[in-house]
Amino acid sequence: MNRKIALIFALLLIVIVGYLRDYIFVSINHQIESGEEVNKLLTYKWVLTFLFSVLHLLLSWLIIAIVFYVPSESFFVKSQQVVVRRYCKIAGVCYIALTSFAFLITMIGYVSSKTSSVYPFVREIMGVVQSPIIIMILMPVFVFYNKNSNA
């Protein structure tokens, strides 16, 4: 598959996953508001939050690989593989850091009995983790850095 087509497919996939996630969570929130099996639905939300976060990380790695990987036997490829790994690590660190920060804020809220007051902030952070925002921020940085380091 040609690289441009693969990139378009990956970008469409990450956008579709974002819309699917939003649709599912809005539906679950509507059921919670109507009082249907709240504990069970909240458990589903936690599991889905984890799954969609991992899925966005994997799709981000795929996009990085499509953009920066150069298949060849030359020395340049080995350096490009290192670049792809480095950029994937940076993306992974961003996802893990934001998720850990959200978890820390949640625990602080839980211990201080202020869970309901920190929840909107944590929800915003996890919304970023479950969206294409991180890769949208990182890709221009990676492209700029890559162009300047190869110049």
Protein backbone atom coordinates (compact mmCIF):
# COMPACT_ATOMS: atom_id res chain seq x y z
CA MET A 1 0.00 0.00 0.00
CA ASN A 2 1.31 3.41 -0.91
CA ARG A 3 2.41 5.57 2.00
CA LYS A 4 -0.04 8.44 1.32
CA ILE A 5 -2.99 6.06 1.18
CA ALA A 6 -1.84 4.37 4.39
CA LEU A 7 -1.56 7.76 6.11
CA ILE A 8 -5.00 8.86 4.91
CA PHE A 9 -6.45 5.53 6.11
CA ALA A 10 -4.76 5.87 9.53
CA LEU A 11 -5.95 9.47 9.93
CA LEU A 12 -9.51 8.53 8.96
CA LEU A 13 -9.36 5.61 11.36
CA ILE A 14 -8.25 7.76 14.30
CA VAL A 15 -11.03 10.29 13.56
CA ILE A 16 -13.63 7.52 13.25
CA VAL A 17 -12.46 5.97 16.52
CA GLY A 18 -12.81 9.40 18.16
CA TYR A 19 -16.38 9.78 16.91
CA LEU A 20 -17.24 6.21 17.91
CA ARG A 21 -15.88 6.82 21.40
CA ASP A 22 -17.88 10.01 21.74
CA TYR A 23 -21.07 8.31 20.56
CA ILE A 24 -20.63 5.40 22.99
CA PHE A 25 -19.86 7.65 25.96
CA VAL A 26 -22.77 10.01 25.24
CA SER A 27 -25.07 6.97 25.10
CA ILE A 28 -23.71 5.62 28.38
CA ASN A 29 -24.03 9.05 30.03
CA HIS A 30 -27.64 9.27 28.87
CA GLN A 31 -28.38 5.86 30.42
CA ILE A 32 -26.66 6.90 33.65
CA GLU A 33 -28.75 10.08 33.80
CA SER A 34 -31.92 8.01 33.40
CA GLY A 35 -30.83 5.87 36.38
CA GLU A 36 -30.19 2.60 34.56
CA GLU A 37 -27.69 0.29 36.31
CA VAL A 38 -25.35 3.13 37.25
CA ASN A 39 -22.57 1.03 38.83
CA LYS A 40 -22.42 -1.34 35.87
CA LEU A 41 -22.35 1.55 33.39
CA LEU A 42 -19.62 3.36 35.34
CA THR A 43 -17.54 0.18 35.22
CA TYR A 44 -18.06 0.05 31.44
CA LYS A 45 -16.90 3.65 31.19
CA TRP A 46 -13.67 2.90 33.06
CA VAL A 47 -12.93 -0.12 30.87
CA LEU A 48 -13.78 1.78 27.69
CA THR A 49 -11.65 4.74 28.80
CA PHE A 50 -8.68 2.41 29.13
CA LEU A 51 -9.37 0.67 25.79
CA PHE A 52 -9.86 3.89 23.81
CA SER A 53 -6.72 5.40 25.37
CA VAL A 54 -4.66 2.39 24.32
CA LEU A 55 -6.27 2.39 20.87
CA HIS A 56 -5.38 6.06 20.34
CA LEU A 57 -1.82 5.39 21.45
CA LEU A 58 -1.53 2.48 18.99
CA LEU A 59 -2.99 4.57 16.17
CA SER A 60 -0.57 7.37 17.04
CA TRP A 61 2.31 4.92 16.79
CA LEU A 62 0.97 3.74 13.43
CA ILE A 63 0.87 7.30 12.11
CA ILE A 64 4.41 7.95 13.34
CA ALA A 65 5.63 4.77 11.65
CA ILE A 66 3.90 5.63 8.37
CA VAL A 67 5.33 9.15 8.29
CA PHE A 68 8.89 8.49 9.44
CA TYR A 69 9.79 4.89 8.56
CA VAL A 70 11.91 4.47 5.43
CA PRO A 71 12.18 0.84 4.18
CA SER A 72 15.65 0.22 2.75
CA GLU A 73 18.93 -1.49 3.54
CA SER A 74 20.98 1.67 3.87
CA PHE A 75 22.47 3.16 7.01
CA PHE A 76 19.88 5.93 6.79
CA VAL A 77 17.12 3.39 7.50
CA LYS A 78 18.70 2.27 10.74
CA SER A 79 18.82 5.87 11.86
CA GLN A 80 15.19 6.29 10.73
CA GLN A 81 14.17 3.23 12.73
CA VAL A 82 15.79 4.85 15.76
CA VAL A 83 13.84 8.03 14.99
CA VAL A 84 10.56 6.11 14.74
CA ARG A 85 11.27 4.34 18.04
CA ARG A 86 12.23 7.62 19.71
CA TYR A 87 9.08 9.37 18.49
CA CYS A 88 6.92 6.42 19.55
CA LYS A 89 8.51 6.53 23.00
CA ILE A 90 7.82 10.26 23.25
CA ALA A 91 4.18 9.70 22.28
CA GLY A 92 3.93 6.85 24.80
CA VAL A 93 5.40 9.01 27.54
CA CYS A 94 2.86 11.76 26.76
CA TYR A 95 -0.05 9.30 27.00
CA ILE A 96 1.27 7.72 30.18
CA ALA A 97 2.10 11.09 31.78
CA LEU A 98 -1.37 12.52 31.13
CA THR A 99 -3.08 9.33 32.32
CA SER A 100 -0.90 9.20 35.44
CA PHE A 101 -1.59 12.86 36.17
CA ALA A 102 -5.34 12.24 35.82
CA PHE A 103 -5.07 9.22 38.13
CA LEU A 104 -3.09 11.24 40.69
CA ILE A 105 -5.67 14.04 40.67
CA THR A 106 -8.44 11.44 41.04
CA MET A 107 -6.69 9.87 44.03
CA ILE A 108 -6.14 13.28 45.64
CA GLY A 109 -9.84 13.99 45.14
CA TYR A 110 -10.77 10.61 46.57
CA VAL A 111 -8.56 10.97 49.67
CA SER A 112 -9.76 14.53 50.32
CA SER A 113 -13.41 13.61 49.65
CA LYS A 114 -13.48 16.08 46.74
CA THR A 115 -13.94 13.55 43.93
CA SER A 116 -16.91 15.38 42.45
CA SER A 117 -14.97 18.65 42.28
CA VAL A 118 -11.90 17.16 40.53
CA TYR A 119 -13.90 14.89 38.20
CA PRO A 120 -14.53 17.55 35.48
CA PHE A 121 -10.79 18.32 35.29
CA VAL A 122 -9.85 14.63 35.17
CA ARG A 123 -12.51 14.05 32.53
CA GLU A 124 -10.97 16.78 30.35
CA ILE A 125 -7.49 15.28 30.69
CA MET A 126 -8.73 11.81 29.78
CA GLY A 127 -10.70 13.32 26.91
CA VAL A 128 -7.39 14.51 25.48
CA VAL A 129 -5.85 11.06 25.95
CA GLN A 130 -8.79 9.48 24.11
CA SER A 131 -8.60 11.81 21.13
CA PRO A 132 -6.22 12.63 18.27
CA ILE A 133 -5.10 15.82 20.05
CA ILE A 134 -1.79 14.40 21.29
CA ILE A 135 -0.67 13.19 17.87
CA MET A 136 -1.93 16.44 16.32
CA ILE A 137 0.42 18.33 18.62
CA LEU A 138 3.35 15.93 18.36
CA MET A 139 3.45 15.42 14.58
CA PRO A 140 4.29 19.03 13.65
CA VAL A 141 6.96 19.02 16.37
CA PHE A 142 8.43 15.76 15.06
CA VAL A 143 8.36 16.94 11.43
CA PHE A 144 9.98 20.25 12.35
CA TYR A 145 12.65 18.53 14.45
CA ASN A 146 13.26 15.92 11.75
CA LYS A 147 13.70 18.56 9.04
CA ASN A 148 16.06 20.62 11.19
CA SER A 149 18.15 17.63 12.31
CA ASN A 150 18.54 16.39 8.70
CA ALA A 151 19.39 19.83 7.33
